[in-house]
Amino acid sequence: MNVSNYVRVTRGLSDPGILIKPEDISKHVSTDTDYYSSLYYYDQEQFNSFQKTKSVKGVNDVLTDRLVFDLDCASDLEQARQDAILVINRLQKYGVQPENLEIYFSGKKGFTVQTTLDCMLNPEKLANLAINIIGKDIKTLDKTIYNASRIIRVPNTKHQDTGLFKVQLQFNQLSAFSLESIKDIA
């Protein structure tokens, strides 16, 4: 697959969105509402097809260089935070330092931890790495985000239910701040 690095950006969860270059996301997103971006990249042929169909349904041959962990727990945000810290500790065992991670509070029920890989992975390989190797036995890990059409909230956009923003945190903020302090940042 020849990746041209298009991503899908949607306003809200039901919008079919647009395919754009990743570096153009900020031109198409405002912070006033919830926006999402695909985890995977689309090639030129997929872009051309999307221009006609306005859908990525059935597109499975996508790739990403982002390893993402979405830790969610509606009933216990503290559990999601502890699991995010656990993911970070496990990533450190593979040589990934916290300062090389992007850590976010989602604005509602969880945290996202992501890093950029030096290779491209398809959904199957990404899911195996995230779910079965690094995220093994982590209760709050959202295992559904690894399918080929999945979208994730764009940083600094507002959560539609809480009005809080998806905000980036440093590891020391994640591990030391109270949940209320984190929500204040959001």
N, C-alpha and C. Protein backbone atom coordinates (compact mmCIF):
# COMPACT_ATOMS: atom_id res chain seq x y z
N MET A 1 0.84 -1.18 0.00
CA MET A 1 0.00 0.00 0.00
C MET A 1 0.88 1.24 0.00
N ASN A 2 0.60 2.13 -0.89
CA ASN A 2 1.32 3.39 -0.97
C ASN A 2 0.55 4.43 -0.17
N VAL A 3 1.03 4.73 1.02
CA VAL A 3 0.31 5.64 1.90
C VAL A 3 0.58 7.08 1.50
N SER A 4 -0.48 7.81 1.26
CA SER A 4 -0.36 9.23 0.95
C SER A 4 -0.66 10.09 2.16
N ASN A 5 -0.95 9.40 3.27
CA ASN A 5 -1.15 10.08 4.53
C ASN A 5 -2.32 11.05 4.57
N TYR A 6 -3.46 10.61 4.09
CA TYR A 6 -4.68 11.36 4.33
C TYR A 6 -5.29 10.82 5.61
N VAL A 7 -5.93 11.68 6.39
CA VAL A 7 -6.69 11.26 7.55
C VAL A 7 -8.12 11.73 7.36
N ARG A 8 -9.03 11.02 8.00
CA ARG A 8 -10.43 11.45 7.97
C ARG A 8 -10.70 12.29 9.21
N VAL A 9 -11.32 13.44 9.01
CA VAL A 9 -11.70 14.33 10.10
C VAL A 9 -13.21 14.51 10.04
N THR A 10 -13.86 14.35 11.20
CA THR A 10 -15.31 14.51 11.27
C THR A 10 -15.69 15.51 12.36
N ARG A 11 -16.80 16.18 12.13
CA ARG A 11 -17.38 17.03 13.18
C ARG A 11 -18.49 16.20 13.81
N GLY A 12 -18.28 15.76 15.04
CA GLY A 12 -19.22 14.87 15.68
C GLY A 12 -19.00 13.44 15.22
N LEU A 13 -19.77 12.55 15.81
CA LEU A 13 -19.58 11.12 15.53
C LEU A 13 -20.33 10.64 14.29
N SER A 14 -21.35 11.34 13.86
CA SER A 14 -22.15 10.85 12.73
C SER A 14 -21.79 11.51 11.40
N ASP A 15 -20.95 12.50 11.42
CA ASP A 15 -20.52 13.19 10.20
C ASP A 15 -19.60 12.27 9.39
N PRO A 16 -19.84 12.11 8.07
CA PRO A 16 -18.93 11.27 7.28
C PRO A 16 -17.53 11.88 7.19
N GLY A 17 -17.43 13.19 7.34
CA GLY A 17 -16.14 13.84 7.39
C GLY A 17 -15.54 14.16 6.04
N ILE A 18 -14.26 14.48 6.11
CA ILE A 18 -13.46 14.79 4.93
C ILE A 18 -12.12 14.08 5.08
N LEU A 19 -11.46 13.83 3.97
CA LEU A 19 -10.09 13.32 4.00
C LEU A 19 -9.16 14.46 3.67
N ILE A 20 -8.17 14.67 4.54
CA ILE A 20 -7.22 15.76 4.39
C ILE A 20 -5.83 15.28 4.80
N LYS A 21 -4.84 16.08 4.49
CA LYS A 21 -3.49 15.80 4.96
C LYS A 21 -3.43 16.07 6.46
N PRO A 22 -2.72 15.26 7.23
CA PRO A 22 -2.67 15.45 8.69
C PRO A 22 -2.24 16.85 9.10
N GLU A 23 -1.35 17.44 8.35
CA GLU A 23 -0.86 18.77 8.72
C GLU A 23 -1.92 19.85 8.53
N ASP A 24 -3.03 19.51 7.88
CA ASP A 24 -4.11 20.48 7.65
C ASP A 24 -5.26 20.37 8.65
N ILE A 25 -5.14 19.50 9.64
CA ILE A 25 -6.22 19.31 10.61
C ILE A 25 -6.61 20.63 11.26
N SER A 26 -5.64 21.41 11.70
CA SER A 26 -5.97 22.65 12.42
C SER A 26 -6.75 23.63 11.55
N LYS A 27 -6.63 23.54 10.24
CA LYS A 27 -7.38 24.42 9.34
C LYS A 27 -8.86 24.04 9.26
N HIS A 28 -9.19 22.80 9.64
CA HIS A 28 -10.55 22.29 9.48
C HIS A 28 -11.26 22.03 10.81
N VAL A 29 -10.58 22.30 11.92
CA VAL A 29 -11.12 21.98 13.24
C VAL A 29 -11.17 23.25 14.07
N SER A 30 -12.28 23.43 14.78
CA SER A 30 -12.36 24.49 15.77
C SER A 30 -12.58 23.85 17.13
N THR A 31 -12.29 24.58 18.17
CA THR A 31 -12.38 24.02 19.52
C THR A 31 -13.78 24.09 20.10
N ASP A 32 -14.74 24.62 19.36
CA ASP A 32 -16.07 24.86 19.92
C ASP A 32 -16.93 23.61 20.03
N THR A 33 -16.52 22.51 19.45
CA THR A 33 -17.32 21.30 19.48
C THR A 33 -16.42 20.07 19.38
N ASP A 34 -17.03 18.90 19.27
CA ASP A 34 -16.25 17.67 19.20
C ASP A 34 -15.86 17.36 17.76
N TYR A 35 -14.58 17.18 17.54
CA TYR A 35 -14.03 16.77 16.25
C TYR A 35 -13.24 15.50 16.47
N TYR A 36 -13.18 14.69 15.43
CA TYR A 36 -12.49 13.41 15.49
C TYR A 36 -11.61 13.24 14.27
N SER A 37 -10.59 12.42 14.43
CA SER A 37 -9.67 12.12 13.35
C SER A 37 -9.44 10.61 13.31
N SER A 38 -9.21 10.11 12.12
CA SER A 38 -8.94 8.68 11.99
C SER A 38 -7.60 8.33 12.61
N LEU A 39 -7.52 7.14 13.12
CA LEU A 39 -6.28 6.61 13.65
C LEU A 39 -5.36 6.19 12.50
N TYR A 40 -5.98 5.84 11.38
CA TYR A 40 -5.23 5.31 10.24
C TYR A 40 -5.16 6.32 9.10
N TYR A 41 -4.19 6.07 8.22
CA TYR A 41 -3.99 6.90 7.03
C TYR A 41 -4.61 6.21 5.82
N TYR A 42 -5.06 7.04 4.90
CA TYR A 42 -5.66 6.57 3.65
C TYR A 42 -4.75 6.94 2.49
N ASP A 43 -4.70 6.07 1.48
CA ASP A 43 -3.86 6.35 0.31
C ASP A 43 -4.65 7.13 -0.74
N GLN A 44 -3.99 7.44 -1.84
CA GLN A 44 -4.61 8.26 -2.88
C GLN A 44 -5.84 7.59 -3.49
N GLU A 45 -5.76 6.30 -3.72
CA GLU A 45 -6.91 5.58 -4.29
C GLU A 45 -8.11 5.63 -3.34
N GLN A 46 -7.86 5.46 -2.06
CA GLN A 46 -8.94 5.54 -1.07
C GLN A 46 -9.49 6.96 -0.98
N PHE A 47 -8.62 7.94 -1.10
CA PHE A 47 -9.05 9.33 -1.12
C PHE A 47 -9.98 9.57 -2.30
N ASN A 48 -9.59 9.10 -3.47
CA ASN A 48 -10.41 9.29 -4.67
C ASN A 48 -11.77 8.61 -4.52
N SER A 49 -11.79 7.42 -3.94
CA SER A 49 -13.04 6.71 -3.71
C SER A 49 -13.92 7.47 -2.71
N PHE A 50 -13.31 7.99 -1.67
CA PHE A 50 -14.06 8.74 -0.66
C PHE A 50 -14.69 9.99 -1.26
N GLN A 51 -13.99 10.62 -2.18
CA GLN A 51 -14.53 11.82 -2.83
C GLN A 51 -15.85 11.50 -3.54
N LYS A 52 -15.98 10.28 -4.03
CA LYS A 52 -17.20 9.87 -4.73
C LYS A 52 -18.26 9.36 -3.77
N THR A 53 -17.87 8.53 -2.80
CA THR A 53 -18.84 7.83 -1.95
C THR A 53 -19.12 8.51 -0.61
N LYS A 54 -18.20 9.37 -0.15
CA LYS A 54 -18.27 10.00 1.17
C LYS A 54 -18.34 8.95 2.29
N SER A 55 -17.64 7.84 2.07
CA SER A 55 -17.64 6.75 3.05
C SER A 55 -16.31 6.00 3.03
N VAL A 56 -15.92 5.48 4.20
CA VAL A 56 -14.75 4.60 4.29
C VAL A 56 -15.20 3.18 4.58
N LYS A 57 -16.51 2.95 4.48
CA LYS A 57 -17.04 1.61 4.73
C LYS A 57 -16.37 0.60 3.81
N GLY A 58 -15.91 -0.49 4.40
CA GLY A 58 -15.26 -1.54 3.64
C GLY A 58 -13.78 -1.32 3.39
N VAL A 59 -13.25 -0.16 3.75
CA VAL A 59 -11.82 0.11 3.57
C VAL A 59 -11.10 -0.48 4.77
N ASN A 60 -10.30 -1.49 4.52
CA ASN A 60 -9.58 -2.16 5.60
C ASN A 60 -8.06 -2.12 5.44
N ASP A 61 -7.59 -1.83 4.25
CA ASP A 61 -6.15 -1.85 3.99
C ASP A 61 -5.55 -0.47 4.27
N VAL A 62 -5.58 -0.10 5.55
CA VAL A 62 -5.05 1.17 6.02
C VAL A 62 -3.88 0.89 6.95
N LEU A 63 -3.08 1.92 7.17
CA LEU A 63 -1.90 1.80 8.01
C LEU A 63 -1.80 2.99 8.95
N THR A 64 -1.07 2.81 10.04
CA THR A 64 -0.79 3.91 10.95
C THR A 64 0.60 3.78 11.53
N ASP A 65 1.14 4.90 11.93
CA ASP A 65 2.40 4.90 12.66
C ASP A 65 2.18 5.36 14.10
N ARG A 66 0.91 5.35 14.53
CA ARG A 66 0.58 5.78 15.90
C ARG A 66 0.09 4.59 16.72
N LEU A 67 0.72 4.41 17.85
CA LEU A 67 0.29 3.40 18.82
C LEU A 67 -0.51 4.15 19.88
N VAL A 68 -1.82 3.85 19.93
CA VAL A 68 -2.74 4.60 20.79
C VAL A 68 -3.41 3.67 21.77
N PHE A 69 -3.53 4.15 23.00
CA PHE A 69 -4.25 3.44 24.05
C PHE A 69 -5.32 4.37 24.58
N ASP A 70 -6.56 3.94 24.53
CA ASP A 70 -7.68 4.71 25.04
C ASP A 70 -8.18 3.99 26.29
N LEU A 71 -8.02 4.63 27.45
CA LEU A 71 -8.40 4.04 28.73
C LEU A 71 -9.63 4.76 29.24
N ASP A 72 -10.76 4.05 29.27
CA ASP A 72 -12.05 4.65 29.63
C ASP A 72 -12.74 3.87 30.72
N CYS A 73 -13.34 4.61 31.65
CA CYS A 73 -14.20 3.98 32.66
C CYS A 73 -15.18 5.03 33.16
N ALA A 74 -16.41 4.94 32.70
CA ALA A 74 -17.44 5.91 33.07
C ALA A 74 -17.71 5.91 34.57
N SER A 75 -17.58 4.77 35.22
CA SER A 75 -17.91 4.69 36.65
C SER A 75 -16.72 4.97 37.57
N ASP A 76 -15.49 4.98 37.03
CA ASP A 76 -14.32 5.15 37.89
C ASP A 76 -13.16 5.75 37.10
N LEU A 77 -13.16 7.08 37.01
CA LEU A 77 -12.11 7.77 36.27
C LEU A 77 -10.73 7.49 36.86
N GLU A 78 -10.67 7.29 38.16
CA GLU A 78 -9.38 6.98 38.80
C GLU A 78 -8.81 5.66 38.27
N GLN A 79 -9.66 4.68 38.01
CA GLN A 79 -9.18 3.41 37.45
C GLN A 79 -8.60 3.64 36.05
N ALA A 80 -9.25 4.48 35.25
CA ALA A 80 -8.72 4.80 33.92
C ALA A 80 -7.35 5.48 34.04
N ARG A 81 -7.22 6.37 35.02
CA ARG A 81 -5.95 7.05 35.22
C ARG A 81 -4.86 6.05 35.64
N GLN A 82 -5.18 5.17 36.57
CA GLN A 82 -4.19 4.18 37.01
C GLN A 82 -3.78 3.26 35.86
N ASP A 83 -4.74 2.92 35.01
CA ASP A 83 -4.41 2.08 33.85
C ASP A 83 -3.56 2.84 32.83
N ALA A 84 -3.78 4.15 32.68
CA ALA A 84 -2.93 4.96 31.80
C ALA A 84 -1.50 4.96 32.32
N ILE A 85 -1.34 5.10 33.62
CA ILE A 85 -0.01 5.06 34.23
C ILE A 85 0.62 3.68 34.01
N LEU A 86 -0.17 2.62 34.13
CA LEU A 86 0.33 1.27 33.89
C LEU A 86 0.80 1.11 32.44
N VAL A 87 0.04 1.63 31.48
CA VAL A 87 0.46 1.58 30.07
C VAL A 87 1.79 2.30 29.90
N ILE A 88 1.92 3.47 30.50
CA ILE A 88 3.17 4.24 30.38
C ILE A 88 4.33 3.47 30.99
N ASN A 89 4.11 2.85 32.12
CA ASN A 89 5.17 2.04 32.74
C ASN A 89 5.57 0.87 31.84
N ARG A 90 4.59 0.24 31.21
CA ARG A 90 4.89 -0.87 30.31
C ARG A 90 5.64 -0.38 29.07
N LEU A 91 5.26 0.77 28.56
CA LEU A 91 5.96 1.33 27.39
C LEU A 91 7.42 1.65 27.74
N GLN A 92 7.67 2.08 28.97
CA GLN A 92 9.04 2.37 29.40
C GLN A 92 9.90 1.11 29.34
N LYS A 93 9.31 -0.04 29.59
CA LYS A 93 10.06 -1.30 29.50
C LYS A 93 10.51 -1.58 28.07
N TYR A 94 9.83 -0.98 27.10
CA TYR A 94 10.22 -1.10 25.69
C TYR A 94 11.06 0.09 25.24
N GLY A 95 11.49 0.92 26.18
CA GLY A 95 12.38 2.04 25.87
C GLY A 95 11.68 3.33 25.50
N VAL A 96 10.36 3.39 25.63
CA VAL A 96 9.62 4.61 25.31
C VAL A 96 9.50 5.43 26.59
N GLN A 97 10.12 6.59 26.60
CA GLN A 97 10.11 7.45 27.78
C GLN A 97 8.86 8.33 27.81
N PRO A 98 8.37 8.66 29.01
CA PRO A 98 7.15 9.47 29.13
C PRO A 98 7.21 10.78 28.34
N GLU A 99 8.39 11.38 28.25
CA GLU A 99 8.49 12.65 27.50
C GLU A 99 8.31 12.46 25.99
N ASN A 100 8.34 11.21 25.53
CA ASN A 100 8.10 10.91 24.11
C ASN A 100 6.68 10.44 23.86
N LEU A 101 5.82 10.62 24.85
CA LEU A 101 4.43 10.21 24.73
C LEU A 101 3.53 11.44 24.68
N GLU A 102 2.39 11.27 24.04
CA GLU A 102 1.33 12.26 24.15
C GLU A 102 0.30 11.66 25.09
N ILE A 103 0.00 12.38 26.16
CA ILE A 103 -0.93 11.91 27.18
C ILE A 103 -2.06 12.93 27.25
N TYR A 104 -3.31 12.44 27.19
CA TYR A 104 -4.46 13.34 27.18
C TYR A 104 -5.53 12.88 28.18
N PHE A 105 -6.21 13.87 28.76
CA PHE A 105 -7.49 13.62 29.42
C PHE A 105 -8.54 13.84 28.34
N SER A 106 -9.48 12.91 28.22
CA SER A 106 -10.44 12.94 27.12
C SER A 106 -11.51 14.01 27.25
N GLY A 107 -11.71 14.50 28.46
CA GLY A 107 -12.79 15.45 28.68
C GLY A 107 -14.01 14.82 29.31
N LYS A 108 -13.97 13.49 29.51
CA LYS A 108 -15.10 12.85 30.16
C LYS A 108 -14.67 11.67 31.04
N LYS A 109 -14.44 10.52 30.41
CA LYS A 109 -14.30 9.29 31.21
C LYS A 109 -12.95 8.60 31.09
N GLY A 110 -11.96 9.29 30.55
CA GLY A 110 -10.72 8.56 30.43
C GLY A 110 -9.52 9.34 29.95
N PHE A 111 -8.51 8.57 29.57
CA PHE A 111 -7.22 9.11 29.19
C PHE A 111 -6.74 8.40 27.93
N THR A 112 -5.97 9.12 27.14
CA THR A 112 -5.37 8.56 25.93
C THR A 112 -3.86 8.68 26.06
N VAL A 113 -3.17 7.62 25.71
CA VAL A 113 -1.71 7.61 25.67
C VAL A 113 -1.32 7.20 24.27
N GLN A 114 -0.45 7.99 23.63
CA GLN A 114 -0.03 7.61 22.28
C GLN A 114 1.42 7.97 22.03
N THR A 115 2.00 7.23 21.11
CA THR A 115 3.36 7.48 20.67
C THR A 115 3.44 7.21 19.17
N THR A 116 4.42 7.81 18.54
CA THR A 116 4.64 7.59 17.12
C THR A 116 5.67 6.49 16.96
N LEU A 117 5.34 5.54 16.10
CA LEU A 117 6.22 4.41 15.82
C LEU A 117 7.15 4.74 14.67
N ASP A 118 8.21 3.98 14.51
CA ASP A 118 9.10 4.17 13.37
C ASP A 118 8.76 3.21 12.23
N CYS A 119 7.56 2.64 12.29
CA CYS A 119 7.08 1.76 11.23
C CYS A 119 5.58 1.94 11.10
N MET A 120 5.03 1.40 10.02
CA MET A 120 3.59 1.46 9.78
C MET A 120 2.98 0.10 10.10
N LEU A 121 1.83 0.11 10.77
CA LEU A 121 1.14 -1.12 11.13
C LEU A 121 -0.29 -1.11 10.59
N ASN A 122 -0.76 -2.29 10.19
CA ASN A 122 -2.16 -2.41 9.78
C ASN A 122 -3.00 -2.61 11.04
N PRO A 123 -4.33 -2.54 10.93
CA PRO A 123 -5.18 -2.66 12.12
C PRO A 123 -4.95 -3.95 12.91
N GLU A 124 -4.73 -5.05 12.23
CA GLU A 124 -4.52 -6.33 12.91
C GLU A 124 -3.25 -6.31 13.77
N LYS A 125 -2.16 -5.84 13.20
CA LYS A 125 -0.90 -5.79 13.94
C LYS A 125 -0.94 -4.76 15.06
N LEU A 126 -1.59 -3.63 14.81
CA LEU A 126 -1.72 -2.61 15.84
C LEU A 126 -2.53 -3.13 17.01
N ALA A 127 -3.66 -3.77 16.72
CA ALA A 127 -4.51 -4.33 17.78
C ALA A 127 -3.75 -5.38 18.58
N ASN A 128 -3.01 -6.23 17.92
CA ASN A 128 -2.24 -7.26 18.63
C ASN A 128 -1.23 -6.61 19.58
N LEU A 129 -0.49 -5.64 19.09
CA LEU A 129 0.50 -4.96 19.93
C LEU A 129 -0.17 -4.25 21.11
N ALA A 130 -1.24 -3.53 20.83
CA ALA A 130 -1.90 -2.73 21.87
C ALA A 130 -2.68 -3.58 22.86
N ILE A 131 -3.40 -4.57 22.37
CA ILE A 131 -4.31 -5.35 23.23
C ILE A 131 -3.62 -6.55 23.87
N ASN A 132 -2.87 -7.30 23.08
CA ASN A 132 -2.33 -8.57 23.57
C ASN A 132 -0.92 -8.48 24.15
N ILE A 133 -0.20 -7.43 23.80
CA ILE A 133 1.18 -7.34 24.30
C ILE A 133 1.28 -6.26 25.38
N ILE A 134 1.13 -5.01 25.02
CA ILE A 134 1.30 -3.93 25.99
C ILE A 134 0.07 -3.76 26.88
N GLY A 135 -1.11 -3.86 26.30
CA GLY A 135 -2.32 -3.62 27.07
C GLY A 135 -2.95 -4.86 27.68
N LYS A 136 -2.24 -5.95 27.65
CA LYS A 136 -2.80 -7.22 28.16
C LYS A 136 -3.31 -7.07 29.59
N ASP A 137 -4.55 -7.52 29.79
CA ASP A 137 -5.19 -7.54 31.10
C ASP A 137 -5.50 -6.16 31.69
N ILE A 138 -5.47 -5.12 30.87
CA ILE A 138 -5.83 -3.79 31.36
C ILE A 138 -7.33 -3.61 31.15
N LYS A 139 -8.05 -3.50 32.25
CA LYS A 139 -9.51 -3.53 32.23
C LYS A 139 -10.15 -2.36 31.48
N THR A 140 -9.58 -1.18 31.57
CA THR A 140 -10.24 0.00 30.98
C THR A 140 -9.81 0.26 29.54
N LEU A 141 -8.97 -0.59 28.97
CA LEU A 141 -8.51 -0.40 27.59
C LEU A 141 -9.67 -0.59 26.63
N ASP A 142 -9.93 0.43 25.82
CA ASP A 142 -10.98 0.35 24.79
C ASP A 142 -10.40 -0.42 23.61
N LYS A 143 -10.85 -1.63 23.43
CA LYS A 143 -10.32 -2.51 22.39
C LYS A 143 -10.97 -2.27 21.04
N THR A 144 -11.98 -1.41 20.98
CA THR A 144 -12.68 -1.18 19.71
C THR A 144 -12.01 -0.14 18.84
N ILE A 145 -11.04 0.61 19.37
CA ILE A 145 -10.47 1.71 18.58
C ILE A 145 -9.54 1.25 17.46
N TYR A 146 -9.25 -0.03 17.40
CA TYR A 146 -8.26 -0.50 16.43
C TYR A 146 -8.86 -0.93 15.10
N ASN A 147 -10.18 -0.85 14.95
CA ASN A 147 -10.74 -1.22 13.65
C ASN A 147 -10.41 -0.15 12.62
N ALA A 148 -10.46 -0.51 11.36
CA ALA A 148 -9.94 0.32 10.28
C ALA A 148 -10.65 1.65 10.11
N SER A 149 -11.89 1.78 10.54
CA SER A 149 -12.61 3.03 10.33
C SER A 149 -12.76 3.86 11.60
N ARG A 150 -12.12 3.46 12.67
CA ARG A 150 -12.28 4.13 13.96
C ARG A 150 -11.74 5.56 13.92
N ILE A 151 -12.42 6.43 14.64
CA ILE A 151 -11.97 7.81 14.79
C ILE A 151 -11.77 8.09 16.28
N ILE A 152 -10.87 9.01 16.58
CA ILE A 152 -10.60 9.40 17.96
C ILE A 152 -10.67 10.92 18.06
N ARG A 153 -11.04 11.40 19.24
CA ARG A 153 -11.22 12.84 19.45
C ARG A 153 -9.92 13.60 19.17
N VAL A 154 -10.05 14.71 18.48
CA VAL A 154 -8.92 15.59 18.19
C VAL A 154 -8.58 16.37 19.47
N PRO A 155 -7.30 16.49 19.82
CA PRO A 155 -6.92 17.26 21.01
C PRO A 155 -7.44 18.70 20.94
N ASN A 156 -7.73 19.23 22.11
CA ASN A 156 -8.19 20.61 22.30
C ASN A 156 -9.58 20.88 21.73
N THR A 157 -10.36 19.82 21.51
CA THR A 157 -11.75 20.01 21.11
C THR A 157 -12.66 19.64 22.27
N LYS A 158 -13.84 20.20 22.24
CA LYS A 158 -14.78 20.11 23.37
C LYS A 158 -15.57 18.81 23.33
N HIS A 159 -15.70 18.21 24.50
CA HIS A 159 -16.53 17.01 24.62
C HIS A 159 -18.00 17.44 24.56
N GLN A 160 -18.78 16.75 23.75
CA GLN A 160 -20.17 17.14 23.53
C GLN A 160 -21.05 17.00 24.76
N ASP A 161 -20.71 16.14 25.71
CA ASP A 161 -21.54 15.93 26.90
C ASP A 161 -21.11 16.80 28.08
N THR A 162 -19.81 16.92 28.31
CA THR A 162 -19.32 17.59 29.51
C THR A 162 -18.94 19.05 29.30
N GLY A 163 -18.65 19.41 28.05
CA GLY A 163 -18.16 20.77 27.79
C GLY A 163 -16.69 20.92 28.13
N LEU A 164 -16.04 19.83 28.58
CA LEU A 164 -14.61 19.87 28.87
C LEU A 164 -13.84 19.55 27.60
N PHE A 165 -12.59 19.96 27.57
CA PHE A 165 -11.76 19.76 26.38
C PHE A 165 -10.82 18.57 26.55
N LYS A 166 -10.47 17.97 25.43
CA LYS A 166 -9.42 16.94 25.43
C LYS A 166 -8.11 17.70 25.54
N VAL A 167 -7.43 17.56 26.68
CA VAL A 167 -6.23 18.33 26.94
C VAL A 167 -5.02 17.44 27.15
N GLN A 168 -3.88 17.96 26.70
CA GLN A 168 -2.64 17.22 26.87
C GLN A 168 -2.09 17.43 28.27
N LEU A 169 -1.56 16.36 28.83
CA LEU A 169 -0.97 16.37 30.16
C LEU A 169 0.47 15.88 30.07
N GLN A 170 1.27 16.33 31.01
CA GLN A 170 2.59 15.76 31.19
C GLN A 170 2.43 14.56 32.13
N PHE A 171 3.38 13.64 32.10
CA PHE A 171 3.28 12.45 32.95
C PHE A 171 3.13 12.81 34.43
N ASN A 172 3.90 13.82 34.88
CA ASN A 172 3.80 14.19 36.30
C ASN A 172 2.42 14.76 36.63
N GLN A 173 1.75 15.41 35.69
CA GLN A 173 0.38 15.89 35.93
C GLN A 173 -0.58 14.71 36.03
N LEU A 174 -0.44 13.76 35.11
CA LEU A 174 -1.29 12.57 35.14
C LEU A 174 -1.15 11.83 36.46
N SER A 175 0.09 11.67 36.92
CA SER A 175 0.33 10.84 38.10
C SER A 175 0.16 11.58 39.41
N ALA A 176 0.32 12.90 39.44
CA ALA A 176 0.32 13.62 40.72
C ALA A 176 -0.90 14.51 40.95
N PHE A 177 -1.51 15.03 39.89
CA PHE A 177 -2.64 15.95 40.07
C PHE A 177 -3.89 15.18 40.48
N SER A 178 -4.74 15.84 41.23
CA SER A 178 -6.04 15.25 41.56
C SER A 178 -6.89 15.22 40.29
N LEU A 179 -7.89 14.37 40.28
CA LEU A 179 -8.79 14.33 39.13
C LEU A 179 -9.50 15.66 38.95
N GLU A 180 -9.81 16.33 40.05
CA GLU A 180 -10.45 17.65 39.95
C GLU A 180 -9.51 18.66 39.32
N SER A 181 -8.23 18.61 39.64
CA SER A 181 -7.25 19.52 39.03
C SER A 181 -7.14 19.26 37.53
N ILE A 182 -7.16 17.99 37.15
CA ILE A 182 -7.10 17.63 35.73
C ILE A 182 -8.34 18.16 35.02
N LYS A 183 -9.48 18.00 35.64
CA LYS A 183 -10.73 18.51 35.05
C LYS A 183 -10.70 20.03 34.95
N ASP A 184 -10.06 20.71 35.92
CA ASP A 184 -9.93 22.17 35.87
C ASP A 184 -9.10 22.59 34.66
N ILE A 185 -8.07 21.82 34.35
CA ILE A 185 -7.24 22.10 33.17
C ILE A 185 -8.09 21.96 31.91
N ALA A 186 -8.97 20.94 31.91
CA ALA A 186 -9.82 20.67 30.75
C ALA A 186 -10.92 21.71 30.60
